[in-house]
Structure formats: structure tokens, C-alpha cells
């Protein structure tokens, strides 16, 4: 079990479970894969190509741009579980300019 943000985010890989502020968050398999990849090496920058291939495999026929859509959903789900008075010190997932295309 890995804890991030002082325990605000808990990732239990064996159970494939994510908690935000103690509340379990339901993730799709793709959302789970993206979060697990990003959490494996905090601070590492991945291109969209790297992430989608890591999560869906090289045989994936869709657009790499779907990564942005899944990340948007992850952000929304994490914010929905956050107490209204608490703010993240920084967005948990960001897209550095010029990286990932």
C-alpha cells in the first residue's frame, strides 16, 4: 500500500483499490493503469504514447489523446472526494508544455 500527499491518496495495488481522503474511488481499468504508472515513479514525465502503450499495450488502435480524457476523469474523481476546505498543494497530474505529443 502506497500513500501520497500525507495519506490523502492511498493506492493498494494488490487489491486494485484507490482511496482519496479515506473514501474508495471507483476507477476504470484504464484510469487505474494510468494512476499506477504515474505513482510508480512520482515526478517522472511520460509522453501520451508511453502511457497509453504501458496501459493498453502496443496493439492499441485508438488515439493517444485519450490519455488526456482519462486524466481529466481521474482529476474529477479525486476532487469529488476531497473535503471542500482542503486544497491540493499542486494538481496531482499535470501536462508539462511541449511534452507528451
C-alpha atoms as a PDB file:
ATOM      1  CA  UNK A   1       0.000   0.000   0.000  1.00  0.00           C
ATOM      2  CA  UNK A   2       1.424   3.358  -1.031  1.00  0.00           C
ATOM      3  CA  UNK A   3       0.434   6.707   0.451  1.00  0.00           C
ATOM      4  CA  UNK A   4       0.803  10.077  -1.228  1.00  0.00           C
ATOM      5  CA  UNK A   5       0.062  13.636  -0.178  1.00  0.00           C
ATOM      6  CA  UNK A   6       0.385  12.882   3.521  1.00  0.00           C
ATOM      7  CA  UNK A   7      -2.021   9.954   3.208  1.00  0.00           C
ATOM      8  CA  UNK A   8      -4.693  11.831   1.248  1.00  0.00           C
ATOM      9  CA  UNK A   9      -4.219   9.383  -1.638  1.00  0.00           C
ATOM     10  CA  UNK A  10      -3.797   5.677  -0.884  1.00  0.00           C
ATOM     11  CA  UNK A  11      -3.115   3.146  -3.631  1.00  0.00           C
ATOM     12  CA  UNK A  12      -3.488  -0.516  -2.731  1.00  0.00           C
ATOM     13  CA  UNK A  13      -2.096  -2.322  -5.781  1.00  0.00           C
ATOM     14  CA  UNK A  14      -2.794  -5.929  -4.693  1.00  0.00           C
ATOM     15  CA  UNK A  15      -6.468  -5.050  -4.186  1.00  0.00           C
ATOM     16  CA  UNK A  16      -6.503  -2.574  -7.120  1.00  0.00           C
ATOM     17  CA  UNK A  17      -8.142  -0.070  -4.811  1.00  0.00           C
ATOM     18  CA  UNK A  18      -7.710   3.698  -4.518  1.00  0.00           C
ATOM     19  CA  UNK A  19      -8.813   5.880  -1.625  1.00  0.00           C
ATOM     20  CA  UNK A  20      -8.932   9.665  -1.558  1.00  0.00           C
ATOM     21  CA  UNK A  21      -9.320  11.031   1.972  1.00  0.00           C
ATOM     22  CA  UNK A  22     -10.491   7.625   3.195  1.00  0.00           C
ATOM     23  CA  UNK A  23     -13.178   7.169   0.545  1.00  0.00           C
ATOM     24  CA  UNK A  24     -12.803   4.415  -2.063  1.00  0.00           C
ATOM     25  CA  UNK A  25     -12.817   5.770  -5.622  1.00  0.00           C
ATOM     26  CA  UNK A  26     -14.096   3.592  -8.456  1.00  0.00           C
ATOM     27  CA  UNK A  27     -11.718   3.661 -11.417  1.00  0.00           C
ATOM     28  CA  UNK A  28     -11.966   2.112 -14.847  1.00  0.00           C
ATOM     29  CA  UNK A  29      -9.164  -0.304 -15.804  1.00  0.00           C
ATOM     30  CA  UNK A  30      -7.553   2.405 -17.962  1.00  0.00           C
ATOM     31  CA  UNK A  31      -7.764   5.034 -15.199  1.00  0.00           C
ATOM     32  CA  UNK A  32      -6.256   2.518 -12.778  1.00  0.00           C
ATOM     33  CA  UNK A  33      -3.413   1.755 -15.192  1.00  0.00           C
ATOM     34  CA  UNK A  34      -2.586   5.420 -15.722  1.00  0.00           C
ATOM     35  CA  UNK A  35      -2.635   6.163 -11.990  1.00  0.00           C
ATOM     36  CA  UNK A  36      -0.496   3.100 -11.192  1.00  0.00           C
ATOM     37  CA  UNK A  37       2.037   4.075 -13.877  1.00  0.00           C
ATOM     38  CA  UNK A  38       2.267   7.662 -12.631  1.00  0.00           C
ATOM     39  CA  UNK A  39       2.509   6.597  -8.987  1.00  0.00           C
ATOM     40  CA  UNK A  40       5.238   4.028  -9.705  1.00  0.00           C
ATOM     41  CA  UNK A  41       7.778   6.792 -10.338  1.00  0.00           C
ATOM     42  CA  UNK A  42       6.494  10.073  -8.850  1.00  0.00           C
ATOM     43  CA  UNK A  43       7.699  13.097 -10.767  1.00  0.00           C
ATOM     44  CA  UNK A  44       8.580  11.179 -13.923  1.00  0.00           C
ATOM     45  CA  UNK A  45       7.238  12.702 -17.127  1.00  0.00           C
ATOM     46  CA  UNK A  46       5.622  10.294 -19.602  1.00  0.00           C
ATOM     47  CA  UNK A  47       4.576  11.040 -23.137  1.00  0.00           C
ATOM     48  CA  UNK A  48       0.999  10.159 -24.032  1.00  0.00           C
ATOM     49  CA  UNK A  49       2.429   7.426 -26.267  1.00  0.00           C
ATOM     50  CA  UNK A  50       4.358   5.894 -23.365  1.00  0.00           C
ATOM     51  CA  UNK A  51       1.359   5.958 -21.050  1.00  0.00           C
ATOM     52  CA  UNK A  52      -1.181   4.510 -23.466  1.00  0.00           C
ATOM     53  CA  UNK A  53       1.232   1.766 -24.520  1.00  0.00           C
ATOM     54  CA  UNK A  54       2.028   0.929 -20.915  1.00  0.00           C
ATOM     55  CA  UNK A  55      -1.656   0.756 -20.000  1.00  0.00           C
ATOM     56  CA  UNK A  56      -3.291  -0.593 -23.173  1.00  0.00           C
ATOM     57  CA  UNK A  57      -0.352  -2.188 -24.988  1.00  0.00           C
ATOM     58  CA  UNK A  58       1.273  -1.571 -28.339  1.00  0.00           C
ATOM     59  CA  UNK A  59      -1.659  -3.120 -30.191  1.00  0.00           C
ATOM     60  CA  UNK A  60      -3.955  -0.272 -29.068  1.00  0.00           C
ATOM     61  CA  UNK A  61      -5.574   1.194 -32.181  1.00  0.00           C
ATOM     62  CA  UNK A  62      -7.108   4.357 -30.673  1.00  0.00           C
ATOM     63  CA  UNK A  63      -5.710   7.836 -30.290  1.00  0.00           C
ATOM     64  CA  UNK A  64      -3.003   8.724 -27.767  1.00  0.00           C
ATOM     65  CA  UNK A  65      -5.131  11.783 -26.985  1.00  0.00           C
ATOM     66  CA  UNK A  66      -7.475   9.560 -24.946  1.00  0.00           C
ATOM     67  CA  UNK A  67      -4.891   9.778 -22.150  1.00  0.00           C
ATOM     68  CA  UNK A  68      -5.912  13.406 -21.531  1.00  0.00           C
ATOM     69  CA  UNK A  69      -9.551  12.384 -21.231  1.00  0.00           C
ATOM     70  CA  UNK A  70      -8.732   9.664 -18.698  1.00  0.00           C
ATOM     71  CA  UNK A  71      -6.516  12.025 -16.691  1.00  0.00           C
ATOM     72  CA  UNK A  72      -9.333  14.581 -16.644  1.00  0.00           C
ATOM     73  CA  UNK A  73     -11.646  11.927 -15.191  1.00  0.00           C
ATOM     74  CA  UNK A  74      -9.029  10.980 -12.580  1.00  0.00           C
ATOM     75  CA  UNK A  75      -8.744  14.613 -11.507  1.00  0.00           C
ATOM     76  CA  UNK A  76     -12.520  14.975 -11.286  1.00  0.00           C
ATOM     77  CA  UNK A  77     -12.882  11.808  -9.217  1.00  0.00           C
ATOM     78  CA  UNK A  78     -10.119  12.861  -6.818  1.00  0.00           C
ATOM     79  CA  UNK A  79     -11.611  16.347  -6.358  1.00  0.00           C
ATOM     80  CA  UNK A  80     -15.083  14.911  -5.705  1.00  0.00           C
ATOM     81  CA  UNK A  81     -13.712  13.028  -2.674  1.00  0.00           C
ATOM     82  CA  UNK A  82     -11.698  15.924  -1.268  1.00  0.00           C
ATOM     83  CA  UNK A  83     -13.112  17.792   1.716  1.00  0.00           C
ATOM     84  CA  UNK A  84     -14.293  21.231   0.477  1.00  0.00           C
ATOM     85  CA  UNK A  85     -11.883  23.095   2.765  1.00  0.00           C
ATOM     86  CA  UNK A  86      -8.820  21.164   1.575  1.00  0.00           C
ATOM     87  CA  UNK A  87      -6.813  22.125  -1.493  1.00  0.00           C
ATOM     88  CA  UNK A  88      -4.101  20.062  -3.157  1.00  0.00           C
ATOM     89  CA  UNK A  89      -0.743  21.860  -2.984  1.00  0.00           C
ATOM     90  CA  UNK A  90      -0.488  21.326  -6.755  1.00  0.00           C
ATOM     91  CA  UNK A  91      -2.540  19.429  -9.333  1.00  0.00           C
ATOM     92  CA  UNK A  92      -1.826  15.701  -8.820  1.00  0.00           C
ATOM     93  CA  UNK A  93      -1.354  15.155 -12.569  1.00  0.00           C
ATOM     94  CA  UNK A  94      -0.043  17.851 -14.888  1.00  0.00           C
ATOM     95  CA  UNK A  95       0.904  18.105 -18.562  1.00  0.00           C
ATOM     96  CA  UNK A  96       4.223  19.971 -18.980  1.00  0.00           C
ATOM     97  CA  UNK A  97       4.133  22.167 -22.110  1.00  0.00           C
ATOM     98  CA  UNK A  98       5.735  20.575 -25.154  1.00  0.00           C
ATOM     99  CA  UNK A  99       5.917  17.110 -23.602  1.00  0.00           C
ATOM    100  CA  UNK A 100       3.752  14.167 -24.459  1.00  0.00           C
ATOM    101  CA  UNK A 101       2.856  14.786 -28.057  1.00  0.00           C
END
